[in-house]
Amino acid sequence: MDDTGGHTFGGSPILYHYTLVLQRGPAGPSCMLHLEGYQQDEQLRCTAHGDPSMLDVAFASYANGSLVNMYGIRVYRPGTVLFRLNRAGTGNSAALATAWLALHPDGLAKTGAFFRREDP
């Protein structure tokens, strides 16, 4: 996801770049969420559950395995759904609609097309 959340009081743009990586492996599926942008640089381990038309992405831990962020604050509990992706249409080119839940970037609408699929 690349999007802008408006501007700061000084006029600088508020930018977000979120990357969701879903992989299937011998130990089962893995999920990482990279959050970069305005006052943010974190990596979260996540879980992803759903069906072909909907996917819930939930917090598992921070990349280092901790349940608290770099400031020692517990922002999410394991299993908390961060956002939901809904597929609009069919096939790999179908649009992904995002519904922000526990994770909601400042200045962005609660729902919209914020992610796009990229195959490696």
C-alpha atoms as a PDB file:
ATOM      1  CA  MET A   1       0.000   0.000   0.000  1.00  0.00           C
ATOM      2  CA  ASP A   2       1.266   3.457  -0.871  1.00  0.00           C
ATOM      3  CA  ASP A   3      -0.984   6.278   0.145  1.00  0.00           C
ATOM      4  CA  THR A   4      -1.025   9.744   1.561  1.00  0.00           C
ATOM      5  CA  GLY A   5      -2.769  10.719   4.754  1.00  0.00           C
ATOM      6  CA  GLY A   6      -2.823  14.433   3.989  1.00  0.00           C
ATOM      7  CA  HIS A   7      -0.235  16.909   5.244  1.00  0.00           C
ATOM      8  CA  THR A   8       1.395  17.813   8.541  1.00  0.00           C
ATOM      9  CA  PHE A   9       0.773  21.188  10.144  1.00  0.00           C
ATOM     10  CA  GLY A  10       3.978  22.388   8.448  1.00  0.00           C
ATOM     11  CA  GLY A  11       2.751  21.228   5.031  1.00  0.00           C
ATOM     12  CA  SER A  12       4.862  18.087   4.566  1.00  0.00           C
ATOM     13  CA  PRO A  13       2.975  15.144   3.053  1.00  0.00           C
ATOM     14  CA  ILE A  14       2.066  12.247   5.349  1.00  0.00           C
ATOM     15  CA  LEU A  15       3.024   9.128   3.395  1.00  0.00           C
ATOM     16  CA  TYR A  16       2.450   5.451   4.172  1.00  0.00           C
ATOM     17  CA  HIS A  17       3.993   2.388   2.554  1.00  0.00           C
ATOM     18  CA  TYR A  18       2.664  -0.906   3.916  1.00  0.00           C
ATOM     19  CA  THR A  19       3.778  -4.244   2.507  1.00  0.00           C
ATOM     20  CA  LEU A  20       1.929  -7.457   3.325  1.00  0.00           C
ATOM     21  CA  VAL A  21       3.872 -10.628   2.521  1.00  0.00           C
ATOM     22  CA  LEU A  22       1.928 -13.897   2.491  1.00  0.00           C
ATOM     23  CA  GLN A  23       3.819 -17.151   1.949  1.00  0.00           C
ATOM     24  CA  ARG A  24       2.998 -20.828   2.059  1.00  0.00           C
ATOM     25  CA  GLY A  25       5.709 -23.048   3.458  1.00  0.00           C
ATOM     26  CA  PRO A  26       6.216 -26.561   4.824  1.00  0.00           C
ATOM     27  CA  ALA A  27       5.350 -25.334   8.328  1.00  0.00           C
ATOM     28  CA  GLY A  28       2.166 -23.669   7.052  1.00  0.00           C
ATOM     29  CA  PRO A  29       1.368 -20.136   5.913  1.00  0.00           C
ATOM     30  CA  SER A  30       3.374 -17.181   7.165  1.00  0.00           C
ATOM     31  CA  CYS A  31       2.458 -13.522   7.163  1.00  0.00           C
ATOM     32  CA  MET A  32       4.600 -10.392   7.664  1.00  0.00           C
ATOM     33  CA  LEU A  33       3.423  -6.802   7.589  1.00  0.00           C
ATOM     34  CA  HIS A  34       5.990  -4.045   7.025  1.00  0.00           C
ATOM     35  CA  LEU A  35       4.779  -0.608   8.148  1.00  0.00           C
ATOM     36  CA  GLU A  36       6.810   2.341   6.900  1.00  0.00           C
ATOM     37  CA  GLY A  37       5.899   5.978   6.666  1.00  0.00           C
ATOM     38  CA  TYR A  38       4.804   8.870   8.799  1.00  0.00           C
ATOM     39  CA  GLN A  39       6.230   8.303  12.304  1.00  0.00           C
ATOM     40  CA  GLN A  40       6.311   4.550  11.685  1.00  0.00           C
ATOM     41  CA  ASP A  41       8.887   1.869  10.895  1.00  0.00           C
ATOM     42  CA  GLU A  42       7.765  -1.520  12.217  1.00  0.00           C
ATOM     43  CA  GLN A  43       7.504  -5.120  11.147  1.00  0.00           C
ATOM     44  CA  LEU A  44       4.698  -7.310  12.457  1.00  0.00           C
ATOM     45  CA  ARG A  45       4.239 -11.044  12.333  1.00  0.00           C
ATOM     46  CA  CYS A  46       0.643 -11.700  11.465  1.00  0.00           C
ATOM     47  CA  THR A  47      -1.859 -14.427  10.733  1.00  0.00           C
ATOM     48  CA  ALA A  48      -4.146 -14.469   7.732  1.00  0.00           C
ATOM     49  CA  HIS A  49      -7.456 -16.323   7.653  1.00  0.00           C
ATOM     50  CA  GLY A  50     -10.282 -16.225   5.186  1.00  0.00           C
ATOM     51  CA  ASP A  51     -11.590 -17.575   1.929  1.00  0.00           C
ATOM     52  CA  PRO A  52     -11.056 -16.677  -1.753  1.00  0.00           C
ATOM     53  CA  SER A  53     -13.146 -13.510  -1.416  1.00  0.00           C
ATOM     54  CA  MET A  54     -12.054 -12.224   2.046  1.00  0.00           C
ATOM     55  CA  LEU A  55      -8.917 -12.253   4.187  1.00  0.00           C
ATOM     56  CA  ASP A  56      -8.538 -11.101   7.805  1.00  0.00           C
ATOM     57  CA  VAL A  57      -5.002 -10.069   8.766  1.00  0.00           C
ATOM     58  CA  ALA A  58      -4.438 -10.316  12.522  1.00  0.00           C
ATOM     59  CA  PHE A  59      -1.566  -9.389  14.841  1.00  0.00           C
ATOM     60  CA  ALA A  60       0.650 -12.227  16.091  1.00  0.00           C
ATOM     61  CA  SER A  61       3.726 -10.342  17.400  1.00  0.00           C
ATOM     62  CA  TYR A  62       6.365  -7.843  16.420  1.00  0.00           C
ATOM     63  CA  ALA A  63       9.127  -9.208  14.175  1.00  0.00           C
ATOM     64  CA  ASN A  64      11.366  -9.892  17.193  1.00  0.00           C
ATOM     65  CA  GLY A  65       8.649 -12.033  18.814  1.00  0.00           C
ATOM     66  CA  SER A  66       7.716  -9.398  21.396  1.00  0.00           C
ATOM     67  CA  LEU A  67       4.126  -8.425  22.155  1.00  0.00           C
ATOM     68  CA  VAL A  68       5.115  -4.832  22.961  1.00  0.00           C
ATOM     69  CA  ASN A  69       6.445  -2.186  20.578  1.00  0.00           C
ATOM     70  CA  MET A  70       9.870  -0.503  20.783  1.00  0.00           C
ATOM     71  CA  TYR A  71       8.531   1.808  23.505  1.00  0.00           C
ATOM     72  CA  GLY A  72       7.321  -1.074  25.683  1.00  0.00           C
ATOM     73  CA  ILE A  73       3.651  -0.442  24.873  1.00  0.00           C
ATOM     74  CA  ARG A  74       1.227  -3.266  24.116  1.00  0.00           C
ATOM     75  CA  VAL A  75      -0.730  -1.843  21.186  1.00  0.00           C
ATOM     76  CA  TYR A  76      -2.401  -5.074  19.982  1.00  0.00           C
ATOM     77  CA  ARG A  77      -3.235  -8.408  21.555  1.00  0.00           C
ATOM     78  CA  PRO A  78      -2.448 -11.578  19.576  1.00  0.00           C
ATOM     79  CA  GLY A  79      -5.373 -12.391  17.318  1.00  0.00           C
ATOM     80  CA  THR A  80      -6.564  -8.777  17.024  1.00  0.00           C
ATOM     81  CA  VAL A  81      -7.705  -8.264  13.420  1.00  0.00           C
ATOM     82  CA  LEU A  82      -5.734  -5.346  11.978  1.00  0.00           C
ATOM     83  CA  PHE A  83      -7.589  -5.077   8.669  1.00  0.00           C
ATOM     84  CA  ARG A  84      -9.732  -7.060   6.251  1.00  0.00           C
ATOM     85  CA  LEU A  85      -9.146  -7.457   2.522  1.00  0.00           C
ATOM     86  CA  ASN A  86     -12.131  -8.159   0.282  1.00  0.00           C
ATOM     87  CA  ARG A  87     -11.752  -9.163  -3.343  1.00  0.00           C
ATOM     88  CA  ALA A  88     -14.001  -7.258  -5.728  1.00  0.00           C
ATOM     89  CA  GLY A  89     -14.308  -9.285  -8.919  1.00  0.00           C
ATOM     90  CA  THR A  90     -12.619 -12.503  -9.996  1.00  0.00           C
ATOM     91  CA  GLY A  91      -9.114 -13.613 -10.921  1.00  0.00           C
ATOM     92  CA  ASN A  92      -5.710 -12.218  -9.961  1.00  0.00           C
ATOM     93  CA  SER A  93      -6.551  -8.796 -11.359  1.00  0.00           C
ATOM     94  CA  ALA A  94      -9.555  -8.345  -9.034  1.00  0.00           C
ATOM     95  CA  ALA A  95      -9.407  -5.169  -6.941  1.00  0.00           C
ATOM     96  CA  LEU A  96      -8.706  -5.488  -3.214  1.00  0.00           C
ATOM     97  CA  ALA A  97     -10.878  -3.408  -0.908  1.00  0.00           C
ATOM     98  CA  THR A  98      -9.373  -2.736   2.525  1.00  0.00           C
ATOM     99  CA  ALA A  99     -11.426  -2.233   5.678  1.00  0.00           C
ATOM    100  CA  TRP A 100      -9.174  -0.842   8.433  1.00  0.00           C
ATOM    101  CA  LEU A 101      -9.975  -2.316  11.844  1.00  0.00           C
ATOM    102  CA  ALA A 102      -7.499  -2.189  14.781  1.00  0.00           C
ATOM    103  CA  LEU A 103      -4.825  -0.717  12.496  1.00  0.00           C
ATOM    104  CA  HIS A 104      -6.098   2.525  10.959  1.00  0.00           C
ATOM    105  CA  PRO A 105      -3.539   4.924   9.492  1.00  0.00           C
ATOM    106  CA  ASP A 106      -4.204   8.572  10.360  1.00  0.00           C
ATOM    107  CA  GLY A 107      -5.935  10.590   7.675  1.00  0.00           C
ATOM    108  CA  LEU A 108      -7.115   7.628   5.571  1.00  0.00           C
ATOM    109  CA  ALA A 109     -10.721   6.619   4.965  1.00  0.00           C
ATOM    110  CA  LYS A 110     -11.921   3.582   6.936  1.00  0.00           C
ATOM    111  CA  THR A 111     -12.367   1.643   3.680  1.00  0.00           C
ATOM    112  CA  GLY A 112     -10.872   1.874   0.210  1.00  0.00           C
ATOM    113  CA  ALA A 113      -8.498   0.314  -2.306  1.00  0.00           C
ATOM    114  CA  PHE A 114      -5.191   0.617  -0.443  1.00  0.00           C
ATOM    115  CA  PHE A 115      -3.419  -2.659  -1.347  1.00  0.00           C
ATOM    116  CA  ARG A 116      -2.648  -4.233  -4.696  1.00  0.00           C
ATOM    117  CA  ARG A 117      -1.458  -7.730  -5.438  1.00  0.00           C
ATOM    118  CA  GLU A 118       2.110  -8.167  -6.683  1.00  0.00           C
ATOM    119  CA  ASP A 119       3.434 -11.574  -7.642  1.00  0.00           C
ATOM    120  CA  PRO A 120       7.170 -12.170  -7.073  1.00  0.00           C
END
